[in-house]
Amino acid sequence: MTYQDLRYEVDGGVATITLDRPEVRNALRRVSYAELTDAVRAADGDPGVRCLVVTGTDPAFCSGDDVRDIMAGEDDPAGLLDPEQLLPAAEALLYADVPVIAAVNGAAVGWGVELALMADLRIASARAVFSEMFVDRGLTSDIAGLGRLAQLVGREKAAELLLTGSFVDAAEALRVGLVGRLVAHEDLLPATYELARRIAAKPPQAVRSIKAGLRRATDPDWRELHAWVSRELARLFATADHKEAVAAFLEKRSPVFTGR
């Protein structure tokens, strides 16, 4: 399967999605989201795929939304939001029956953290850093930051990360539980594929049942949470503070927020 913004490969029951826009640190534009959705659904619908790995081309895992395409482009970013329907990429990941492992090889920022949180397991390279920096754009995080981050790191640490947009290095991410394993950068993919193949060797119906049970037991109602987030983001996209955050980013200066 051939894509513009990512690579999709299957080998021995393990599918790999590699975000592949290294020149912009694998930032996600509209076509990236569409391709990510398609690739996740392809893996989930392939009976030969027993595990899915998501990673990025060095030097980053995913730097989040491409500000120039999503927030400063010709189309209104609020047009991507539908309170009645999850963002297709999020729905594909959150409701996939195939287990998903995020191999975080570098910076995971904004929706890059959301992407990692939507995986079942996270392995980080020593070069990984994380930031839920939506607040710095005058926005709220997406649903995984609200619905899964606190499960991993506890409510207080989640509140700190969400409210400050602070960067967390790989060692701190491991300490607080944001990732399950930390390895040397050169060992990231070997360690990830070793785990993926162990999972792929298990009875597939049992694996899928376990994943479905975890979703029932621990996840919020993603669609209800998404409806709230969509309404909030539509409101926040129209604020002066969000527009100032985007302008400051593009102009490489510090923003000045007024609460409007």
C-alpha atoms as a PDB file:
ATOM      1  CA  MET A   1       0.000   0.000   0.000  1.00  0.00           C
ATOM      2  CA  THR A   2       1.412   3.384  -1.027  1.00  0.00           C
ATOM      3  CA  TYR A   3       0.787   6.628   0.847  1.00  0.00           C
ATOM      4  CA  GLN A   4       2.131  10.188   0.702  1.00  0.00           C
ATOM      5  CA  ASP A   5       2.731  10.826   4.399  1.00  0.00           C
ATOM      6  CA  LEU A   6       3.389   7.398   5.879  1.00  0.00           C
ATOM      7  CA  ARG A   7       4.681   3.920   5.122  1.00  0.00           C
ATOM      8  CA  TYR A   8       2.653   0.761   5.738  1.00  0.00           C
ATOM      9  CA  GLU A   9       4.298  -2.650   5.860  1.00  0.00           C
ATOM     10  CA  VAL A  10       3.338  -6.131   7.066  1.00  0.00           C
ATOM     11  CA  ASP A  11       5.845  -8.764   8.082  1.00  0.00           C
ATOM     12  CA  GLY A  12       5.167 -12.004   9.930  1.00  0.00           C
ATOM     13  CA  GLY A  13       1.796 -10.999  11.358  1.00  0.00           C
ATOM     14  CA  VAL A  14       3.014  -7.558  12.491  1.00  0.00           C
ATOM     15  CA  ALA A  15       1.946  -4.438  10.601  1.00  0.00           C
ATOM     16  CA  THR A  16       3.937  -1.211  10.894  1.00  0.00           C
ATOM     17  CA  ILE A  17       2.737   2.328  10.253  1.00  0.00           C
ATOM     18  CA  THR A  18       5.652   4.771  10.026  1.00  0.00           C
ATOM     19  CA  LEU A  19       4.778   8.459   9.876  1.00  0.00           C
ATOM     20  CA  ASP A  20       7.116   9.767   7.206  1.00  0.00           C
ATOM     21  CA  ARG A  21       7.361  13.549   6.997  1.00  0.00           C
ATOM     22  CA  PRO A  22      10.698  14.014   8.776  1.00  0.00           C
ATOM     23  CA  GLU A  23      11.194  17.490   7.316  1.00  0.00           C
ATOM     24  CA  VAL A  24       8.318  18.694   9.559  1.00  0.00           C
ATOM     25  CA  ARG A  25       8.948  16.194  12.360  1.00  0.00           C
ATOM     26  CA  ASN A  26       6.082  14.019  11.120  1.00  0.00           C
ATOM     27  CA  ALA A  27       3.459  16.701  11.702  1.00  0.00           C
ATOM     28  CA  LEU A  28      -0.050  15.693  10.686  1.00  0.00           C
ATOM     29  CA  ARG A  29      -1.866  17.499   7.899  1.00  0.00           C
ATOM     30  CA  ARG A  30      -5.321  16.623   6.584  1.00  0.00           C
ATOM     31  CA  VAL A  31      -4.016  13.989   4.184  1.00  0.00           C
ATOM     32  CA  SER A  32      -1.928  12.477   7.016  1.00  0.00           C
ATOM     33  CA  TYR A  33      -5.024  11.953   9.135  1.00  0.00           C
ATOM     34  CA  ALA A  34      -6.863  10.336   6.217  1.00  0.00           C
ATOM     35  CA  GLU A  35      -3.940   8.022   5.471  1.00  0.00           C
ATOM     36  CA  LEU A  36      -3.484   7.106   9.130  1.00  0.00           C
ATOM     37  CA  THR A  37      -7.168   6.190   9.327  1.00  0.00           C
ATOM     38  CA  ASP A  38      -6.928   4.043   6.213  1.00  0.00           C
ATOM     39  CA  ALA A  39      -3.763   2.255   7.337  1.00  0.00           C
ATOM     40  CA  VAL A  40      -5.098   1.462  10.830  1.00  0.00           C
ATOM     41  CA  ARG A  41      -8.314   0.100   9.334  1.00  0.00           C
ATOM     42  CA  ALA A  42      -6.326  -1.948   6.828  1.00  0.00           C
ATOM     43  CA  ALA A  43      -4.322  -3.553   9.636  1.00  0.00           C
ATOM     44  CA  ASP A  44      -7.387  -4.098  11.811  1.00  0.00           C
ATOM     45  CA  GLY A  45      -9.316  -5.689   8.948  1.00  0.00           C
ATOM     46  CA  ASP A  46      -6.509  -8.001   7.826  1.00  0.00           C
ATOM     47  CA  PRO A  47      -6.861 -11.446   9.451  1.00  0.00           C
ATOM     48  CA  GLY A  48      -3.147 -11.996   8.902  1.00  0.00           C
ATOM     49  CA  VAL A  49      -2.219  -9.024  11.107  1.00  0.00           C
ATOM     50  CA  ARG A  50      -1.945  -9.928  14.792  1.00  0.00           C
ATOM     51  CA  CYS A  51      -0.301  -6.749  16.100  1.00  0.00           C
ATOM     52  CA  LEU A  52       0.181  -3.162  14.861  1.00  0.00           C
ATOM     53  CA  VAL A  53       3.236  -0.974  15.502  1.00  0.00           C
ATOM     54  CA  VAL A  54       3.046   2.816  15.037  1.00  0.00           C
ATOM     55  CA  THR A  55       6.258   4.831  14.890  1.00  0.00           C
ATOM     56  CA  GLY A  56       7.849   7.784  13.099  1.00  0.00           C
ATOM     57  CA  THR A  57      10.796   8.461  10.846  1.00  0.00           C
ATOM     58  CA  ASP A  58      13.638   9.969  12.903  1.00  0.00           C
ATOM     59  CA  PRO A  59      14.113  12.466  14.416  1.00  0.00           C
ATOM     60  CA  ALA A  60      10.532  12.619  15.729  1.00  0.00           C
ATOM     61  CA  PHE A  61       7.599  10.380  16.513  1.00  0.00           C
ATOM     62  CA  CYS A  62       4.948  12.988  15.721  1.00  0.00           C
ATOM     63  CA  SER A  63       4.996  16.731  16.369  1.00  0.00           C
ATOM     64  CA  GLY A  64       1.208  16.981  16.299  1.00  0.00           C
ATOM     65  CA  ASP A  65      -0.903  19.012  13.910  1.00  0.00           C
ATOM     66  CA  ASP A  66       0.836  20.779  11.056  1.00  0.00           C
ATOM     67  CA  VAL A  67       0.018  24.331  12.157  1.00  0.00           C
ATOM     68  CA  ARG A  68       0.375  25.746   8.647  1.00  0.00           C
ATOM     69  CA  ASP A  69      -2.039  23.205   7.186  1.00  0.00           C
ATOM     70  CA  ILE A  70      -4.540  22.679  10.004  1.00  0.00           C
ATOM     71  CA  MET A  71      -4.667  25.989  11.876  1.00  0.00           C
ATOM     72  CA  ALA A  72      -3.301  28.569   9.435  1.00  0.00           C
ATOM     73  CA  GLY A  73      -4.553  27.083   6.186  1.00  0.00           C
ATOM     74  CA  GLU A  74      -7.446  28.258   4.068  1.00  0.00           C
ATOM     75  CA  ASP A  75      -9.986  25.919   5.680  1.00  0.00           C
ATOM     76  CA  ASP A  76     -11.493  26.539   9.114  1.00  0.00           C
ATOM     77  CA  PRO A  77      -9.965  23.999  11.540  1.00  0.00           C
ATOM     78  CA  ALA A  78     -13.341  23.727  13.251  1.00  0.00           C
ATOM     79  CA  GLY A  79     -14.554  22.126  10.029  1.00  0.00           C
ATOM     80  CA  LEU A  80     -12.650  18.988  11.018  1.00  0.00           C
ATOM     81  CA  LEU A  81     -14.873  18.610  14.074  1.00  0.00           C
ATOM     82  CA  ASP A  82     -18.153  16.743  14.135  1.00  0.00           C
ATOM     83  CA  PRO A  83     -19.677  16.334  17.613  1.00  0.00           C
ATOM     84  CA  GLU A  84     -21.662  13.374  16.302  1.00  0.00           C
ATOM     85  CA  GLN A  85     -18.641  11.451  15.010  1.00  0.00           C
ATOM     86  CA  LEU A  86     -15.166  10.803  16.353  1.00  0.00           C
ATOM     87  CA  LEU A  87     -12.203  11.996  14.336  1.00  0.00           C
ATOM     88  CA  PRO A  88     -11.848   8.980  12.010  1.00  0.00           C
ATOM     89  CA  ALA A  89      -8.189   8.374  12.932  1.00  0.00           C
ATOM     90  CA  ALA A  90      -9.076   8.386  16.632  1.00  0.00           C
ATOM     91  CA  GLU A  91     -12.019   6.045  16.108  1.00  0.00           C
ATOM     92  CA  ALA A  92      -9.881   3.650  14.068  1.00  0.00           C
ATOM     93  CA  LEU A  93      -7.235   3.517  16.802  1.00  0.00           C
ATOM     94  CA  LEU A  94      -9.466   3.479  19.869  1.00  0.00           C
ATOM     95  CA  TYR A  95     -11.834   0.817  18.536  1.00  0.00           C
ATOM     96  CA  ALA A  96      -9.257  -1.340  16.736  1.00  0.00           C
ATOM     97  CA  ASP A  97      -9.408  -4.976  17.787  1.00  0.00           C
ATOM     98  CA  VAL A  98      -5.767  -5.570  16.874  1.00  0.00           C
ATOM     99  CA  PRO A  99      -3.314  -4.640  19.684  1.00  0.00           C
ATOM    100  CA  VAL A 100      -1.403  -1.417  18.977  1.00  0.00           C
ATOM    101  CA  ILE A 101       2.132  -0.629  20.178  1.00  0.00           C
ATOM    102  CA  ALA A 102       3.529   2.911  19.909  1.00  0.00           C
ATOM    103  CA  ALA A 103       7.310   2.909  19.375  1.00  0.00           C
ATOM    104  CA  VAL A 104       8.083   6.485  20.385  1.00  0.00           C
ATOM    105  CA  ASN A 105      11.395   7.289  18.724  1.00  0.00           C
ATOM    106  CA  GLY A 106      11.539  11.035  19.375  1.00  0.00           C
ATOM    107  CA  ALA A 107       9.321  14.011  20.137  1.00  0.00           C
ATOM    108  CA  ALA A 108       5.641  13.248  20.683  1.00  0.00           C
ATOM    109  CA  VAL A 109       3.888  16.602  20.912  1.00  0.00           C
ATOM    110  CA  GLY A 110       0.220  17.591  20.872  1.00  0.00           C
ATOM    111  CA  TRP A 111      -1.656  15.044  18.800  1.00  0.00           C
ATOM    112  CA  GLY A 112       1.574  13.034  18.763  1.00  0.00           C
ATOM    113  CA  VAL A 113       0.993  12.337  22.471  1.00  0.00           C
ATOM    114  CA  GLU A 114      -2.668  11.592  21.725  1.00  0.00           C
ATOM    115  CA  LEU A 115      -1.537   9.075  19.113  1.00  0.00           C
ATOM    116  CA  ALA A 116       0.764   7.360  21.611  1.00  0.00           C
ATOM    117  CA  LEU A 117      -1.977   7.341  24.250  1.00  0.00           C
ATOM    118  CA  MET A 118      -4.390   5.661  21.838  1.00  0.00           C
ATOM    119  CA  ALA A 119      -2.033   2.682  21.620  1.00  0.00           C
ATOM    120  CA  ASP A 120      -2.317  -0.187  24.069  1.00  0.00           C
ATOM    121  CA  LEU A 121       1.401  -0.212  24.855  1.00  0.00           C
ATOM    122  CA  ARG A 122       4.132   2.422  24.629  1.00  0.00           C
ATOM    123  CA  ILE A 123       7.872   1.820  24.332  1.00  0.00           C
ATOM    124  CA  ALA A 124      10.093   4.903  24.332  1.00  0.00           C
ATOM    125  CA  SER A 125      13.527   5.544  22.925  1.00  0.00           C
ATOM    126  CA  ALA A 126      15.906   7.452  25.177  1.00  0.00           C
ATOM    127  CA  ARG A 127      15.438  10.324  22.699  1.00  0.00           C
ATOM    128  CA  ALA A 128      11.675  10.550  23.267  1.00  0.00           C
ATOM    129  CA  VAL A 129      10.066  13.644  24.764  1.00  0.00           C
ATOM    130  CA  PHE A 130       6.385  14.289  25.383  1.00  0.00           C
ATOM    131  CA  SER A 131       4.255  17.425  25.641  1.00  0.00           C
ATOM    132  CA  GLU A 132       0.481  17.862  25.765  1.00  0.00           C
ATOM    133  CA  MET A 133       1.000  21.422  24.578  1.00  0.00           C
ATOM    134  CA  PHE A 134      -2.555  22.164  23.421  1.00  0.00           C
ATOM    135  CA  VAL A 135      -2.849  24.790  26.160  1.00  0.00           C
ATOM    136  CA  ASP A 136      -0.040  26.735  24.453  1.00  0.00           C
ATOM    137  CA  ARG A 137      -2.215  26.950  21.333  1.00  0.00           C
ATOM    138  CA  GLY A 138      -5.196  28.168  23.339  1.00  0.00           C
ATOM    139  CA  LEU A 139      -6.926  24.784  23.014  1.00  0.00           C
ATOM    140  CA  THR A 140      -7.959  21.759  25.038  1.00  0.00           C
ATOM    141  CA  SER A 141      -6.356  18.394  24.402  1.00  0.00           C
ATOM    142  CA  ASP A 142      -8.119  15.737  22.375  1.00  0.00           C
ATOM    143  CA  ILE A 143      -9.996  12.873  23.994  1.00  0.00           C
ATOM    144  CA  ALA A 144      -7.058  10.573  24.787  1.00  0.00           C
ATOM    145  CA  GLY A 145      -5.339  13.275  26.819  1.00  0.00           C
ATOM    146  CA  LEU A 146      -8.481  13.700  28.877  1.00  0.00           C
ATOM    147  CA  GLY A 147      -9.667  10.099  28.914  1.00  0.00           C
ATOM    148  CA  ARG A 148      -6.495   8.020  29.158  1.00  0.00           C
ATOM    149  CA  LEU A 149      -3.595  10.134  30.440  1.00  0.00           C
ATOM    150  CA  ALA A 150      -4.858  10.176  34.026  1.00  0.00           C
ATOM    151  CA  GLN A 151      -5.272   6.383  33.921  1.00  0.00           C
ATOM    152  CA  LEU A 152      -1.551   6.108  33.264  1.00  0.00           C
ATOM    153  CA  VAL A 153       0.016   8.862  35.365  1.00  0.00           C
ATOM    154  CA  GLY A 154      -2.695   9.753  37.908  1.00  0.00           C
ATOM    155  CA  ARG A 155      -5.020  12.735  37.904  1.00  0.00           C
ATOM    156  CA  GLU A 156      -2.636  15.228  39.528  1.00  0.00           C
ATOM    157  CA  LYS A 157       0.257  14.553  37.155  1.00  0.00           C
ATOM    158  CA  ALA A 158      -2.145  14.549  34.208  1.00  0.00           C
ATOM    159  CA  ALA A 159      -3.501  17.927  35.308  1.00  0.00           C
ATOM    160  CA  GLU A 160       0.045  19.294  35.549  1.00  0.00           C
ATOM    161  CA  LEU A 161       0.974  18.066  32.073  1.00  0.00           C
ATOM    162  CA  LEU A 162      -2.251  19.319  30.495  1.00  0.00           C
ATOM    163  CA  LEU A 163      -2.369  22.703  32.228  1.00  0.00           C
ATOM    164  CA  THR A 164       1.299  23.621  31.719  1.00  0.00           C
ATOM    165  CA  GLY A 165       2.152  21.926  28.412  1.00  0.00           C
ATOM    166  CA  SER A 166       5.453  20.924  30.045  1.00  0.00           C
ATOM    167  CA  PHE A 167       7.902  18.700  28.207  1.00  0.00           C
ATOM    168  CA  VAL A 168       8.666  15.337  29.810  1.00  0.00           C
ATOM    169  CA  ASP A 169      11.786  13.423  28.841  1.00  0.00           C
ATOM    170  CA  ALA A 170      11.877   9.660  28.369  1.00  0.00           C
ATOM    171  CA  ALA A 171      13.189   8.892  31.865  1.00  0.00           C
ATOM    172  CA  GLU A 172      10.451  10.966  33.510  1.00  0.00           C
ATOM    173  CA  ALA A 173       7.838   9.435  31.188  1.00  0.00           C
ATOM    174  CA  LEU A 174       8.871   5.998  32.417  1.00  0.00           C
ATOM    175  CA  ARG A 175       8.934   7.102  36.062  1.00  0.00           C
ATOM    176  CA  VAL A 176       5.394   8.498  35.990  1.00  0.00           C
ATOM    177  CA  GLY A 177       3.967   5.635  33.910  1.00  0.00           C
ATOM    178  CA  LEU A 178       3.396   7.447  30.629  1.00  0.00           C
ATOM    179  CA  VAL A 179       5.381   4.709  28.890  1.00  0.00           C
ATOM    180  CA  GLY A 180       5.849   1.101  29.891  1.00  0.00           C
ATOM    181  CA  ARG A 181       9.428   0.635  28.794  1.00  0.00           C
ATOM    182  CA  LEU A 182      12.483   2.766  27.998  1.00  0.00           C
ATOM    183  CA  VAL A 183      15.282   1.499  25.749  1.00  0.00           C
ATOM    184  CA  ALA A 184      18.325   2.883  23.969  1.00  0.00           C
ATOM    185  CA  HIS A 185      17.417   4.527  20.688  1.00  0.00           C
ATOM    186  CA  GLU A 186      19.068   1.821  18.591  1.00  0.00           C
ATOM    187  CA  ASP A 187      17.160  -0.860  20.530  1.00  0.00           C
ATOM    188  CA  LEU A 188      13.705   0.687  20.074  1.00  0.00           C
ATOM    189  CA  LEU A 189      12.484  -1.192  17.021  1.00  0.00           C
ATOM    190  CA  PRO A 190      14.112  -4.538  17.977  1.00  0.00           C
ATOM    191  CA  ALA A 191      12.469  -4.348  21.430  1.00  0.00           C
ATOM    192  CA  THR A 192       9.149  -3.297  19.924  1.00  0.00           C
ATOM    193  CA  TYR A 193       9.095  -6.091  17.366  1.00  0.00           C
ATOM    194  CA  GLU A 194      10.109  -8.656  19.975  1.00  0.00           C
ATOM    195  CA  LEU A 195       7.051  -7.664  22.007  1.00  0.00           C
ATOM    196  CA  ALA A 196       4.824  -7.449  18.923  1.00  0.00           C
ATOM    197  CA  ARG A 197       5.823 -10.957  17.806  1.00  0.00           C
ATOM    198  CA  ARG A 198       5.170 -12.356  21.274  1.00  0.00           C
ATOM    199  CA  ILE A 199       1.639 -10.943  21.093  1.00  0.00           C
ATOM    200  CA  ALA A 200       1.203 -12.065  17.475  1.00  0.00           C
ATOM    201  CA  ALA A 201       2.041 -15.639  18.495  1.00  0.00           C
ATOM    202  CA  LYS A 202      -0.854 -15.813  20.995  1.00  0.00           C
ATOM    203  CA  PRO A 203      -4.357 -17.079  20.075  1.00  0.00           C
ATOM    204  CA  PRO A 204      -5.832 -14.169  18.072  1.00  0.00           C
ATOM    205  CA  GLN A 205      -9.409 -14.557  19.288  1.00  0.00           C
ATOM    206  CA  ALA A 206      -8.262 -14.502  22.911  1.00  0.00           C
ATOM    207  CA  VAL A 207      -6.066 -11.449  22.280  1.00  0.00           C
ATOM    208  CA  ARG A 208      -8.931  -9.535  20.705  1.00  0.00           C
ATOM    209  CA  SER A 209     -11.284 -10.510  23.544  1.00  0.00           C
ATOM    210  CA  ILE A 210      -8.775  -9.268  26.118  1.00  0.00           C
ATOM    211  CA  LYS A 211      -8.446  -5.966  24.296  1.00  0.00           C
ATOM    212  CA  ALA A 212     -12.237  -5.609  24.061  1.00  0.00           C
ATOM    213  CA  GLY A 213     -12.528  -6.387  27.784  1.00  0.00           C
ATOM    214  CA  LEU A 214      -9.948  -3.746  28.698  1.00  0.00           C
ATOM    215  CA  ARG A 215     -11.869  -1.213  26.628  1.00  0.00           C
ATOM    216  CA  ARG A 216     -15.106  -2.073  28.458  1.00  0.00           C
ATOM    217  CA  ALA A 217     -13.467  -2.014  31.881  1.00  0.00           C
ATOM    218  CA  THR A 218     -11.242   1.060  31.709  1.00  0.00           C
ATOM    219  CA  ASP A 219     -12.169   3.424  28.877  1.00  0.00           C
ATOM    220  CA  PRO A 220     -14.663   6.276  29.107  1.00  0.00           C
ATOM    221  CA  ASP A 221     -17.479   6.715  26.625  1.00  0.00           C
ATOM    222  CA  TRP A 222     -15.245   8.050  23.865  1.00  0.00           C
ATOM    223  CA  ARG A 223     -18.137   9.324  21.740  1.00  0.00           C
ATOM    224  CA  GLU A 224     -19.684  11.304  24.590  1.00  0.00           C
ATOM    225  CA  LEU A 225     -16.303  12.785  25.528  1.00  0.00           C
ATOM    226  CA  HIS A 226     -15.610  13.615  21.883  1.00  0.00           C
ATOM    227  CA  ALA A 227     -18.911  15.496  21.561  1.00  0.00           C
ATOM    228  CA  TRP A 228     -17.878  17.740  24.480  1.00  0.00           C
ATOM    229  CA  VAL A 229     -14.320  18.215  23.171  1.00  0.00           C
ATOM    230  CA  SER A 230     -15.632  19.091  19.693  1.00  0.00           C
ATOM    231  CA  ARG A 231     -17.913  21.795  21.062  1.00  0.00           C
ATOM    232  CA  GLU A 232     -15.100  23.202  23.211  1.00  0.00           C
ATOM    233  CA  LEU A 233     -12.572  23.197  20.375  1.00  0.00           C
ATOM    234  CA  ALA A 234     -15.032  24.907  18.024  1.00  0.00           C
ATOM    235  CA  ARG A 235     -15.395  27.644  20.639  1.00  0.00           C
ATOM    236  CA  LEU A 236     -11.661  27.877  21.376  1.00  0.00           C
ATOM    237  CA  PHE A 237     -10.652  28.013  17.701  1.00  0.00           C
ATOM    238  CA  ALA A 238     -12.619  31.287  17.493  1.00  0.00           C
ATOM    239  CA  THR A 239     -10.865  32.962  20.429  1.00  0.00           C
ATOM    240  CA  ALA A 240      -8.343  35.771  20.119  1.00  0.00           C
ATOM    241  CA  ASP A 241      -5.929  33.798  22.306  1.00  0.00           C
ATOM    242  CA  HIS A 242      -5.861  30.868  19.874  1.00  0.00           C
ATOM    243  CA  LYS A 243      -5.299  33.178  16.932  1.00  0.00           C
ATOM    244  CA  GLU A 244      -2.484  34.896  18.872  1.00  0.00           C
ATOM    245  CA  ALA A 245      -0.902  31.512  19.676  1.00  0.00           C
ATOM    246  CA  VAL A 246      -0.869  30.528  15.987  1.00  0.00           C
ATOM    247  CA  ALA A 247       0.469  33.917  14.890  1.00  0.00           C
ATOM    248  CA  ALA A 248       3.211  33.806  17.531  1.00  0.00           C
ATOM    249  CA  PHE A 249       4.230  30.311  16.430  1.00  0.00           C
ATOM    250  CA  LEU A 250       4.453  31.322  12.784  1.00  0.00           C
ATOM    251  CA  GLU A 251       6.269  34.557  13.614  1.00  0.00           C
ATOM    252  CA  LYS A 252       8.636  32.784  16.054  1.00  0.00           C
ATOM    253  CA  ARG A 253       7.864  35.078  18.982  1.00  0.00           C
ATOM    254  CA  SER A 254       6.376  34.777  22.458  1.00  0.00           C
ATOM    255  CA  PRO A 255       2.568  35.037  22.553  1.00  0.00           C
ATOM    256  CA  VAL A 256       0.647  37.583  24.578  1.00  0.00           C
ATOM    257  CA  PHE A 257      -2.655  36.215  25.837  1.00  0.00           C
ATOM    258  CA  THR A 258      -5.565  38.440  26.861  1.00  0.00           C
ATOM    259  CA  GLY A 259      -8.230  35.930  27.862  1.00  0.00           C
ATOM    260  CA  ARG A 260     -10.410  36.779  24.885  1.00  0.00           C
END
